[in-house]
Amino acid sequence: DAPIKRPGYTHAAFVIDRMDDLIAWLDREGIAVTEGPITMGHGRRKV
């Protein structure tokens, strides 16, 4: 979030079964999706 981008680990990535189920659960739990779902390469259908 800072304007100067420092080196370091930026995120942890997890593999899940069904994105639609996760999105519905996040909505019920009041947890905001900050980006996505989107499609990316390397076999990632939804991210």
All heavy atoms as atom14 arrays in JSON, in Angstrom:
{
  "sequence": "DAPIKRPGYTHAAFVIDRMDDLIAWLDREGIAVTEGPITMGHGRRKV",
  "atom14_mask": [
    [1, 1, 1, 1, 1, 1, 1, 1, 0, 0, 0, 0, 0, 0],
    [1, 1, 1, 1, 1, 0, 0, 0, 0, 0, 0, 0, 0, 0],
    [1, 1, 1, 1, 1, 1, 1, 0, 0, 0, 0, 0, 0, 0],
    [1, 1, 1, 1, 1, 1, 1, 1, 0, 0, 0, 0, 0, 0],
    [1, 1, 1, 1, 1, 1, 1, 1, 1, 0, 0, 0, 0, 0],
    [1, 1, 1, 1, 1, 1, 1, 1, 1, 1, 1, 0, 0, 0],
    [1, 1, 1, 1, 1, 1, 1, 0, 0, 0, 0, 0, 0, 0],
    [1, 1, 1, 1, 0, 0, 0, 0, 0, 0, 0, 0, 0, 0],
    [1, 1, 1, 1, 1, 1, 1, 1, 1, 1, 1, 1, 0, 0],
    [1, 1, 1, 1, 1, 1, 1, 0, 0, 0, 0, 0, 0, 0],
    [1, 1, 1, 1, 1, 1, 1, 1, 1, 1, 0, 0, 0, 0],
    [1, 1, 1, 1, 1, 0, 0, 0, 0, 0, 0, 0, 0, 0],
    [1, 1, 1, 1, 1, 0, 0, 0, 0, 0, 0, 0, 0, 0],
    [1, 1, 1, 1, 1, 1, 1, 1, 1, 1, 1, 0, 0, 0],
    [1, 1, 1, 1, 1, 1, 1, 0, 0, 0, 0, 0, 0, 0],
    [1, 1, 1, 1, 1, 1, 1, 1, 0, 0, 0, 0, 0, 0],
    [1, 1, 1, 1, 1, 1, 1, 1, 0, 0, 0, 0, 0, 0],
    [1, 1, 1, 1, 1, 1, 1, 1, 1, 1, 1, 0, 0, 0],
    [1, 1, 1, 1, 1, 1, 1, 1, 0, 0, 0, 0, 0, 0],
    [1, 1, 1, 1, 1, 1, 1, 1, 0, 0, 0, 0, 0, 0],
    [1, 1, 1, 1, 1, 1, 1, 1, 0, 0, 0, 0, 0, 0],
    [1, 1, 1, 1, 1, 1, 1, 1, 0, 0, 0, 0, 0, 0],
    [1, 1, 1, 1, 1, 1, 1, 1, 0, 0, 0, 0, 0, 0],
    [1, 1, 1, 1, 1, 0, 0, 0, 0, 0, 0, 0, 0, 0],
    [1, 1, 1, 1, 1, 1, 1, 1, 1, 1, 1, 1, 1, 1],
    [1, 1, 1, 1, 1, 1, 1, 1, 0, 0, 0, 0, 0, 0],
    [1, 1, 1, 1, 1, 1, 1, 1, 0, 0, 0, 0, 0, 0],
    [1, 1, 1, 1, 1, 1, 1, 1, 1, 1, 1, 0, 0, 0],
    [1, 1, 1, 1, 1, 1, 1, 1, 1, 0, 0, 0, 0, 0],
    [1, 1, 1, 1, 0, 0, 0, 0, 0, 0, 0, 0, 0, 0],
    [1, 1, 1, 1, 1, 1, 1, 1, 0, 0, 0, 0, 0, 0],
    [1, 1, 1, 1, 1, 0, 0, 0, 0, 0, 0, 0, 0, 0],
    [1, 1, 1, 1, 1, 1, 1, 0, 0, 0, 0, 0, 0, 0],
    [1, 1, 1, 1, 1, 1, 1, 0, 0, 0, 0, 0, 0, 0],
    [1, 1, 1, 1, 1, 1, 1, 1, 1, 0, 0, 0, 0, 0],
    [1, 1, 1, 1, 0, 0, 0, 0, 0, 0, 0, 0, 0, 0],
    [1, 1, 1, 1, 1, 1, 1, 0, 0, 0, 0, 0, 0, 0],
    [1, 1, 1, 1, 1, 1, 1, 1, 0, 0, 0, 0, 0, 0],
    [1, 1, 1, 1, 1, 1, 1, 0, 0, 0, 0, 0, 0, 0],
    [1, 1, 1, 1, 1, 1, 1, 1, 0, 0, 0, 0, 0, 0],
    [1, 1, 1, 1, 0, 0, 0, 0, 0, 0, 0, 0, 0, 0],
    [1, 1, 1, 1, 1, 1, 1, 1, 1, 1, 0, 0, 0, 0],
    [1, 1, 1, 1, 0, 0, 0, 0, 0, 0, 0, 0, 0, 0],
    [1, 1, 1, 1, 1, 1, 1, 1, 1, 1, 1, 0, 0, 0],
    [1, 1, 1, 1, 1, 1, 1, 1, 1, 1, 1, 0, 0, 0],
    [1, 1, 1, 1, 1, 1, 1, 1, 1, 0, 0, 0, 0, 0],
    [1, 1, 1, 1, 1, 1, 1, 0, 0, 0, 0, 0, 0, 0]
  ],
  "atom14_positions": [
    [[0.79, -1.22, 0.0], [0.0, 0.0, 0.0], [0.83, 1.28, 0.0], [0.34, 2.33, -0.4], [-0.94, 0.01, 1.21], [-1.88, -1.18, 1.2], [-2.23, -1.65, 0.11], [-2.27, -1.64, 2.3], [0.0, 0.0, 0.0], [0.0, 0.0, 0.0], [0.0, 0.0, 0.0], [0.0, 0.0, 0.0], [0.0, 0.0, 0.0], [0.0, 0.0, 0.0]],
    [[2.05, 1.21, 0.47], [2.9, 2.39, 0.53], [3.35, 2.76, -0.89], [3.52, 1.88, -1.74], [4.11, 2.15, 1.42], [0.0, 0.0, 0.0], [0.0, 0.0, 0.0], [0.0, 0.0, 0.0], [0.0, 0.0, 0.0], [0.0, 0.0, 0.0], [0.0, 0.0, 0.0], [0.0, 0.0, 0.0], [0.0, 0.0, 0.0], [0.0, 0.0, 0.0]],
    [[3.56, 4.04, -1.18], [3.94, 4.44, -2.53], [5.3, 3.88, -2.98], [5.49, 3.6, -4.15], [3.96, 5.96, -2.48], [3.86, 6.35, -1.06], [3.37, 5.17, -0.29], [0.0, 0.0, 0.0], [0.0, 0.0, 0.0], [0.0, 0.0, 0.0], [0.0, 0.0, 0.0], [0.0, 0.0, 0.0], [0.0, 0.0, 0.0], [0.0, 0.0, 0.0]],
    [[6.23, 3.72, -2.04], [7.54, 3.13, -2.38], [7.44, 1.64, -2.16], [7.1, 1.18, -1.06], [8.66, 3.75, -1.54], [8.78, 5.25, -1.84], [9.98, 3.03, -1.78], [9.75, 5.97, -0.94], [0.0, 0.0, 0.0], [0.0, 0.0, 0.0], [0.0, 0.0, 0.0], [0.0, 0.0, 0.0], [0.0, 0.0, 0.0], [0.0, 0.0, 0.0]],
    [[7.72, 0.85, -3.18], [7.59, -0.6, -3.11], [8.89, -1.22, -2.6], [9.9, -1.21, -3.3], [7.2, -1.2, -4.47], [5.91, -0.62, -5.03], [4.75, -0.8, -4.07], [3.46, -0.23, -4.64], [2.45, 0.01, -3.65], [0.0, 0.0, 0.0], [0.0, 0.0, 0.0], [0.0, 0.0, 0.0], [0.0, 0.0, 0.0], [0.0, 0.0, 0.0]],
    [[8.87, -1.74, -1.39], [10.02, -2.37, -0.76], [10.04, -3.86, -1.07], [9.0, -4.47, -1.29], [9.96, -2.18, 0.75], [9.77, -0.75, 1.19], [11.08, -0.06, 1.34], [10.87, 1.29, 1.86], [11.62, 2.3, 1.56], [12.65, 2.15, 0.75], [11.39, 3.49, 2.06], [0.0, 0.0, 0.0], [0.0, 0.0, 0.0], [0.0, 0.0, 0.0]],
    [[11.23, -4.48, -1.06], [11.28, -5.92, -1.27], [10.69, -6.66, -0.06], [10.71, -6.15, 1.05], [12.77, -6.21, -1.41], [13.49, -4.98, -1.02], [12.54, -3.87, -0.95], [0.0, 0.0, 0.0], [0.0, 0.0, 0.0], [0.0, 0.0, 0.0], [0.0, 0.0, 0.0], [0.0, 0.0, 0.0], [0.0, 0.0, 0.0], [0.0, 0.0, 0.0]],
    [[10.17, -7.84, -0.32], [9.62, -8.68, 0.73], [8.5, -9.55, 0.19], [8.08, -9.4, -0.96], [0.0, 0.0, 0.0], [0.0, 0.0, 0.0], [0.0, 0.0, 0.0], [0.0, 0.0, 0.0], [0.0, 0.0, 0.0], [0.0, 0.0, 0.0], [0.0, 0.0, 0.0], [0.0, 0.0, 0.0], [0.0, 0.0, 0.0], [0.0, 0.0, 0.0]],
    [[8.03, -10.46, 1.0], [6.92, -11.33, 0.61], [5.64, -10.51, 0.6], [5.33, -9.84, 1.57], [6.78, -12.5, 1.58], [7.95, -13.44, 1.53], [8.94, -13.38, 2.5], [8.07, -14.36, 0.51], [10.03, -14.22, 2.46], [9.16, -15.21, 0.46], [10.13, -15.15, 1.43], [11.2, -15.99, 1.39], [0.0, 0.0, 0.0], [0.0, 0.0, 0.0]],
    [[4.89, -10.58, -0.47], [3.69, -9.75, -0.57], [2.4, -10.49, -0.24], [1.41, -9.84, 0.09], [3.57, -9.14, -1.98], [3.48, -10.2, -2.93], [4.74, -8.23, -2.28], [0.0, 0.0, 0.0], [0.0, 0.0, 0.0], [0.0, 0.0, 0.0], [0.0, 0.0, 0.0], [0.0, 0.0, 0.0], [0.0, 0.0, 0.0], [0.0, 0.0, 0.0]],
    [[2.38, -11.82, -0.35], [1.14, -12.53, -0.05], [1.4, -14.04, 0.05], [2.4, -14.53, -0.41], [0.07, -12.26, -1.11], [0.42, -12.76, -2.48], [1.29, -12.09, -3.32], [0.04, -13.86, -3.15], [1.41, -12.77, -4.45], [0.66, -13.85, -4.37], [0.0, 0.0, 0.0], [0.0, 0.0, 0.0], [0.0, 0.0, 0.0], [0.0, 0.0, 0.0]],
    [[0.43, -14.7, 0.66], [0.39, -16.16, 0.67], [-0.71, -16.59, -0.3], [-1.75, -15.94, -0.38], [0.08, -16.68, 2.08], [0.0, 0.0, 0.0], [0.0, 0.0, 0.0], [0.0, 0.0, 0.0], [0.0, 0.0, 0.0], [0.0, 0.0, 0.0], [0.0, 0.0, 0.0], [0.0, 0.0, 0.0], [0.0, 0.0, 0.0], [0.0, 0.0, 0.0]],
    [[-0.49, -17.65, -1.05], [-1.46, -18.13, -2.02], [-1.89, -19.55, -1.69], [-1.04, -20.4, -1.39], [-0.87, -18.07, -3.43], [0.0, 0.0, 0.0], [0.0, 0.0, 0.0], [0.0, 0.0, 0.0], [0.0, 0.0, 0.0], [0.0, 0.0, 0.0], [0.0, 0.0, 0.0], [0.0, 0.0, 0.0], [0.0, 0.0, 0.0], [0.0, 0.0, 0.0]],
    [[-3.19, -19.78, -1.73], [-3.76, -21.08, -1.37], [-4.57, -21.62, -2.54], [-5.16, -20.86, -3.3], [-4.69, -20.93, -0.16], [-4.02, -20.3, 1.03], [-4.15, -18.94, 1.28], [-3.25, -21.05, 1.9], [-3.54, -18.34, 2.37], [-2.63, -20.47, 2.99], [-2.77, -19.11, 3.23], [0.0, 0.0, 0.0], [0.0, 0.0, 0.0], [0.0, 0.0, 0.0]],
    [[-4.62, -22.93, -2.67], [-5.43, -23.61, -3.69], [-6.71, -24.08, -3.0], [-6.66, -24.67, -1.92], [-4.68, -24.81, -4.31], [-5.58, -25.55, -5.28], [-3.41, -24.33, -5.0], [0.0, 0.0, 0.0], [0.0, 0.0, 0.0], [0.0, 0.0, 0.0], [0.0, 0.0, 0.0], [0.0, 0.0, 0.0], [0.0, 0.0, 0.0], [0.0, 0.0, 0.0]],
    [[-7.84, -23.78, -3.62], [-9.15, -24.18, -3.08], [-9.9, -24.99, -4.12], [-9.53, -25.03, -5.29], [-9.98, -22.95, -2.66], [-10.19, -22.01, -3.85], [-9.31, -22.23, -1.49], [-11.18, -20.9, -3.6], [0.0, 0.0, 0.0], [0.0, 0.0, 0.0], [0.0, 0.0, 0.0], [0.0, 0.0, 0.0], [0.0, 0.0, 0.0], [0.0, 0.0, 0.0]],
    [[-10.99, -25.64, -3.67], [-11.78, -26.49, -4.57], [-12.69, -25.68, -5.49], [-12.7, -25.87, -6.68], [-12.65, -27.46, -3.77], [-11.83, -28.48, -3.01], [-10.75, -28.87, -3.5], [-12.27, -28.88, -1.92], [0.0, 0.0, 0.0], [0.0, 0.0, 0.0], [0.0, 0.0, 0.0], [0.0, 0.0, 0.0], [0.0, 0.0, 0.0], [0.0, 0.0, 0.0]],
    [[-13.5, -24.78, -4.88], [-14.53, -24.08, -5.64], [-14.56, -22.6, -5.26], [-14.95, -22.25, -4.14], [-15.89, -24.72, -5.39], [-16.02, -26.14, -5.99], [-17.3, -26.82, -5.6], [-17.5, -26.92, -4.15], [-16.92, -27.82, -3.35], [-16.08, -28.69, -3.87], [-17.15, -27.84, -2.05], [0.0, 0.0, 0.0], [0.0, 0.0, 0.0], [0.0, 0.0, 0.0]],
    [[-14.2, -21.76, -6.18], [-14.18, -20.33, -5.94], [-15.56, -19.79, -5.6], [-15.72, -18.94, -4.72], [-13.6, -19.58, -7.16], [-13.49, -18.09, -6.97], [-12.31, -17.59, -5.69], [-10.77, -18.15, -6.42], [0.0, 0.0, 0.0], [0.0, 0.0, 0.0], [0.0, 0.0, 0.0], [0.0, 0.0, 0.0], [0.0, 0.0, 0.0], [0.0, 0.0, 0.0]],
    [[-16.59, -20.26, -6.31], [-17.93, -19.75, -6.06], [-18.35, -19.98, -4.61], [-18.98, -19.12, -4.0], [-18.94, -20.39, -7.02], [-18.71, -19.99, -8.47], [-18.03, -18.96, -8.7], [-19.18, -20.7, -9.37], [0.0, 0.0, 0.0], [0.0, 0.0, 0.0], [0.0, 0.0, 0.0], [0.0, 0.0, 0.0], [0.0, 0.0, 0.0], [0.0, 0.0, 0.0]],
    [[-17.99, -21.14, -4.05], [-18.31, -21.42, -2.65], [-17.55, -20.47, -1.72], [-18.1, -19.98, -0.74], [-17.98, -22.87, -2.29], [-18.9, -23.87, -2.98], [-19.91, -23.45, -3.58], [-18.58, -25.07, -2.92], [0.0, 0.0, 0.0], [0.0, 0.0, 0.0], [0.0, 0.0, 0.0], [0.0, 0.0, 0.0], [0.0, 0.0, 0.0], [0.0, 0.0, 0.0]],
    [[-16.28, -20.21, -2.04], [-15.49, -19.3, -1.21], [-16.09, -17.89, -1.26], [-16.26, -17.24, -0.23], [-14.03, -19.25, -1.66], [-13.19, -18.19, -0.95], [-13.03, -18.52, 0.53], [-11.84, -18.04, -1.62], [0.0, 0.0, 0.0], [0.0, 0.0, 0.0], [0.0, 0.0, 0.0], [0.0, 0.0, 0.0], [0.0, 0.0, 0.0], [0.0, 0.0, 0.0]],
    [[-16.43, -17.41, -2.44], [-16.98, -16.06, -2.59], [-18.28, -15.93, -1.8], [-18.5, -14.94, -1.1], [-17.19, -15.7, -4.08], [-15.85, -15.7, -4.84], [-17.93, -14.38, -4.23], [-14.86, -14.67, -4.35], [0.0, 0.0, 0.0], [0.0, 0.0, 0.0], [0.0, 0.0, 0.0], [0.0, 0.0, 0.0], [0.0, 0.0, 0.0], [0.0, 0.0, 0.0]],
    [[-19.14, -16.93, -1.88], [-20.4, -16.9, -1.13], [-20.12, -16.89, 0.38], [-20.77, -16.14, 1.13], [-21.27, -18.1, -1.51], [0.0, 0.0, 0.0], [0.0, 0.0, 0.0], [0.0, 0.0, 0.0], [0.0, 0.0, 0.0], [0.0, 0.0, 0.0], [0.0, 0.0, 0.0], [0.0, 0.0, 0.0], [0.0, 0.0, 0.0], [0.0, 0.0, 0.0]],
    [[-19.16, -17.7, 0.83], [-18.82, -17.74, 2.26], [-18.24, -16.4, 2.71], [-18.62, -15.89, 3.77], [-17.83, -18.87, 2.52], [-17.46, -18.99, 3.96], [-18.14, -19.66, 4.94], [-16.32, -18.4, 4.6], [-17.5, -19.51, 6.14], [-16.37, -18.75, 5.96], [-15.27, -17.61, 4.15], [-15.41, -18.33, 6.87], [-14.32, -17.18, 5.06], [-14.39, -17.55, 6.4]],
    [[-17.32, -15.82, 1.93], [-16.74, -14.53, 2.28], [-17.84, -13.47, 2.41], [-17.82, -12.65, 3.34], [-15.71, -14.1, 1.23], [-14.42, -14.91, 1.16], [-13.63, -14.55, -0.09], [-13.58, -14.74, 2.42], [0.0, 0.0, 0.0], [0.0, 0.0, 0.0], [0.0, 0.0, 0.0], [0.0, 0.0, 0.0], [0.0, 0.0, 0.0], [0.0, 0.0, 0.0]],
    [[-18.8, -13.5, 1.5], [-19.9, -12.55, 1.55], [-20.71, -12.73, 2.84], [-21.03, -11.75, 3.52], [-20.79, -12.72, 0.31], [-21.87, -11.66, 0.23], [-21.54, -10.46, 0.31], [-23.05, -12.03, 0.1], [0.0, 0.0, 0.0], [0.0, 0.0, 0.0], [0.0, 0.0, 0.0], [0.0, 0.0, 0.0], [0.0, 0.0, 0.0], [0.0, 0.0, 0.0]],
    [[-21.04, -13.98, 3.17], [-21.79, -14.25, 4.4], [-21.01, -13.81, 5.64], [-21.59, -13.34, 6.62], [-22.13, -15.74, 4.52], [-23.23, -16.21, 3.6], [-23.72, -17.59, 3.95], [-22.69, -18.6, 4.01], [-22.21, -19.3, 2.99], [-22.69, -19.09, 1.78], [-21.27, -20.21, 3.16], [0.0, 0.0, 0.0], [0.0, 0.0, 0.0], [0.0, 0.0, 0.0]],
    [[-19.7, -13.95, 5.62], [-18.85, -13.62, 6.75], [-18.48, -12.13, 6.82], [-17.86, -11.68, 7.77], [-17.55, -14.44, 6.71], [-17.76, -15.91, 6.96], [-18.17, -16.21, 8.4], [-17.55, -15.67, 9.33], [-19.14, -16.98, 8.58], [0.0, 0.0, 0.0], [0.0, 0.0, 0.0], [0.0, 0.0, 0.0], [0.0, 0.0, 0.0], [0.0, 0.0, 0.0]],
    [[-18.84, -11.38, 5.78], [-18.52, -9.96, 5.76], [-17.04, -9.67, 5.51], [-16.52, -8.64, 5.92], [0.0, 0.0, 0.0], [0.0, 0.0, 0.0], [0.0, 0.0, 0.0], [0.0, 0.0, 0.0], [0.0, 0.0, 0.0], [0.0, 0.0, 0.0], [0.0, 0.0, 0.0], [0.0, 0.0, 0.0], [0.0, 0.0, 0.0], [0.0, 0.0, 0.0]],
    [[-16.37, -10.59, 4.83], [-14.95, -10.42, 4.49], [-14.89, -9.94, 3.04], [-15.36, -10.61, 2.13], [-14.17, -11.74, 4.66], [-14.23, -12.2, 6.12], [-12.72, -11.56, 4.19], [-13.66, -13.59, 6.36], [0.0, 0.0, 0.0], [0.0, 0.0, 0.0], [0.0, 0.0, 0.0], [0.0, 0.0, 0.0], [0.0, 0.0, 0.0], [0.0, 0.0, 0.0]],
    [[-14.31, -8.77, 2.85], [-14.28, -8.15, 1.52], [-13.29, -8.83, 0.6], [-12.18, -9.16, 1.0], [-13.9, -6.67, 1.65], [0.0, 0.0, 0.0], [0.0, 0.0, 0.0], [0.0, 0.0, 0.0], [0.0, 0.0, 0.0], [0.0, 0.0, 0.0], [0.0, 0.0, 0.0], [0.0, 0.0, 0.0], [0.0, 0.0, 0.0], [0.0, 0.0, 0.0]],
    [[-13.7, -9.03, -0.64], [-12.8, -9.46, -1.71], [-12.17, -8.19, -2.25], [-12.87, -7.28, -2.69], [-13.56, -10.22, -2.81], [-12.64, -10.51, -3.98], [-14.18, -11.49, -2.26], [0.0, 0.0, 0.0], [0.0, 0.0, 0.0], [0.0, 0.0, 0.0], [0.0, 0.0, 0.0], [0.0, 0.0, 0.0], [0.0, 0.0, 0.0], [0.0, 0.0, 0.0]],
    [[-10.84, -8.11, -2.19], [-10.16, -6.88, -2.63], [-9.82, -6.9, -4.12], [-9.59, -5.85, -4.7], [-8.89, -6.64, -1.81], [-8.04, -7.79, -1.9], [-9.23, -6.39, -0.35], [0.0, 0.0, 0.0], [0.0, 0.0, 0.0], [0.0, 0.0, 0.0], [0.0, 0.0, 0.0], [0.0, 0.0, 0.0], [0.0, 0.0, 0.0], [0.0, 0.0, 0.0]],
    [[-9.83, -8.09, -4.72], [-9.62, -8.21, -6.16], [-10.14, -9.56, -6.6], [-9.93, -10.57, -5.94], [-8.15, -8.09, -6.52], [-7.9, -8.08, -8.02], [-6.43, -7.93, -8.39], [-5.6, -7.71, -7.5], [-6.12, -8.04, -9.59], [0.0, 0.0, 0.0], [0.0, 0.0, 0.0], [0.0, 0.0, 0.0], [0.0, 0.0, 0.0], [0.0, 0.0, 0.0]],
    [[-10.82, -9.58, -7.74], [-11.27, -10.83, -8.32], [-12.76, -11.06, -8.05], [-13.44, -10.2, -7.54], [0.0, 0.0, 0.0], [0.0, 0.0, 0.0], [0.0, 0.0, 0.0], [0.0, 0.0, 0.0], [0.0, 0.0, 0.0], [0.0, 0.0, 0.0], [0.0, 0.0, 0.0], [0.0, 0.0, 0.0], [0.0, 0.0, 0.0], [0.0, 0.0, 0.0]],
    [[-13.17, -12.27, -8.42], [-12.36, -13.3, -9.07], [-11.97, -12.91, -10.49], [-12.73, -12.3, -11.2], [-13.27, -14.53, -9.09], [-14.42, -14.23, -8.19], [-14.51, -12.75, -8.08], [0.0, 0.0, 0.0], [0.0, 0.0, 0.0], [0.0, 0.0, 0.0], [0.0, 0.0, 0.0], [0.0, 0.0, 0.0], [0.0, 0.0, 0.0], [0.0, 0.0, 0.0]],
    [[-10.74, -13.25, -10.8], [-10.19, -13.01, -12.12], [-9.56, -14.31, -12.62], [-9.35, -15.24, -11.85], [-9.14, -11.87, -12.11], [-8.01, -12.19, -11.12], [-9.79, -10.54, -11.79], [-6.87, -11.18, -11.12], [0.0, 0.0, 0.0], [0.0, 0.0, 0.0], [0.0, 0.0, 0.0], [0.0, 0.0, 0.0], [0.0, 0.0, 0.0], [0.0, 0.0, 0.0]],
    [[-9.25, -14.35, -13.91], [-8.57, -15.51, -14.5], [-7.1, -15.16, -14.69], [-6.78, -14.07, -15.14], [-9.2, -15.87, -15.86], [-10.58, -16.16, -15.65], [-8.51, -17.07, -16.47], [0.0, 0.0, 0.0], [0.0, 0.0, 0.0], [0.0, 0.0, 0.0], [0.0, 0.0, 0.0], [0.0, 0.0, 0.0], [0.0, 0.0, 0.0], [0.0, 0.0, 0.0]],
    [[-6.23, -16.09, -14.32], [-4.79, -15.9, -14.5], [-4.24, -17.14, -15.18], [-4.94, -18.14, -15.35], [-4.11, -15.66, -13.16], [-4.56, -14.38, -12.46], [-3.69, -14.11, -10.93], [-2.68, -12.72, -11.39], [0.0, 0.0, 0.0], [0.0, 0.0, 0.0], [0.0, 0.0, 0.0], [0.0, 0.0, 0.0], [0.0, 0.0, 0.0], [0.0, 0.0, 0.0]],
    [[-2.97, -17.12, -15.53], [-2.34, -18.23, -16.23], [-1.98, -19.41, -15.33], [-2.33, -19.45, -14.16], [0.0, 0.0, 0.0], [0.0, 0.0, 0.0], [0.0, 0.0, 0.0], [0.0, 0.0, 0.0], [0.0, 0.0, 0.0], [0.0, 0.0, 0.0], [0.0, 0.0, 0.0], [0.0, 0.0, 0.0], [0.0, 0.0, 0.0], [0.0, 0.0, 0.0]],
    [[-1.28, -20.35, -15.89], [-0.78, -21.55, -15.2], [-1.91, -22.39, -14.6], [-1.79, -22.92, -13.5], [0.25, -21.19, -14.13], [1.43, -20.46, -14.68], [2.39, -21.08, -15.44], [1.79, -19.16, -14.6], [3.29, -20.2, -15.81], [2.95, -19.03, -15.32], [0.0, 0.0, 0.0], [0.0, 0.0, 0.0], [0.0, 0.0, 0.0], [0.0, 0.0, 0.0]],
    [[-3.03, -22.51, -15.32], [-4.11, -23.38, -14.88], [-5.03, -22.78, -13.84], [-5.93, -23.45, -13.36], [0.0, 0.0, 0.0], [0.0, 0.0, 0.0], [0.0, 0.0, 0.0], [0.0, 0.0, 0.0], [0.0, 0.0, 0.0], [0.0, 0.0, 0.0], [0.0, 0.0, 0.0], [0.0, 0.0, 0.0], [0.0, 0.0, 0.0], [0.0, 0.0, 0.0]],
    [[-4.82, -21.54, -13.46], [-5.69, -20.91, -12.47], [-6.97, -20.44, -13.16], [-6.96, -19.48, -13.89], [-4.99, -19.72, -11.82], [-3.82, -20.13, -10.96], [-3.12, -18.85, -10.47], [-1.93, -19.14, -9.73], [-0.72, -19.26, -10.27], [-0.56, -19.12, -11.57], [0.32, -19.52, -9.51], [0.0, 0.0, 0.0], [0.0, 0.0, 0.0], [0.0, 0.0, 0.0]],
    [[-8.05, -21.15, -12.9], [-9.34, -20.77, -13.51], [-9.87, -19.49, -12.9], [-10.37, -18.63, -13.6], [-10.36, -21.89, -13.3], [-10.13, -23.07, -14.21], [-11.21, -24.08, -14.09], [-12.51, -23.45, -13.83], [-13.59, -24.11, -13.51], [-13.56, -25.4, -13.41], [-14.72, -23.48, -13.29], [0.0, 0.0, 0.0], [0.0, 0.0, 0.0], [0.0, 0.0, 0.0]],
    [[-9.83, -19.41, -11.58], [-10.33, -18.23, -10.88], [-9.37, -17.92, -9.74], [-8.89, -18.81, -9.05], [-11.72, -18.49, -10.32], [-12.79, -18.73, -11.37], [-14.12, -19.02, -10.72], [-15.17, -19.39, -11.76], [-16.44, -19.78, -11.12], [0.0, 0.0, 0.0], [0.0, 0.0, 0.0], [0.0, 0.0, 0.0], [0.0, 0.0, 0.0], [0.0, 0.0, 0.0]],
    [[-9.14, -16.63, -9.54], [-8.25, -16.15, -8.48], [-8.94, -14.99, -7.78], [-9.54, -14.13, -8.44], [-6.9, -15.67, -9.06], [-5.99, -15.14, -7.97], [-6.22, -16.79, -9.84], [0.0, 0.0, 0.0], [0.0, 0.0, 0.0], [0.0, 0.0, 0.0], [0.0, 0.0, 0.0], [0.0, 0.0, 0.0], [0.0, 0.0, 0.0], [0.0, 0.0, 0.0]]
  ]
}
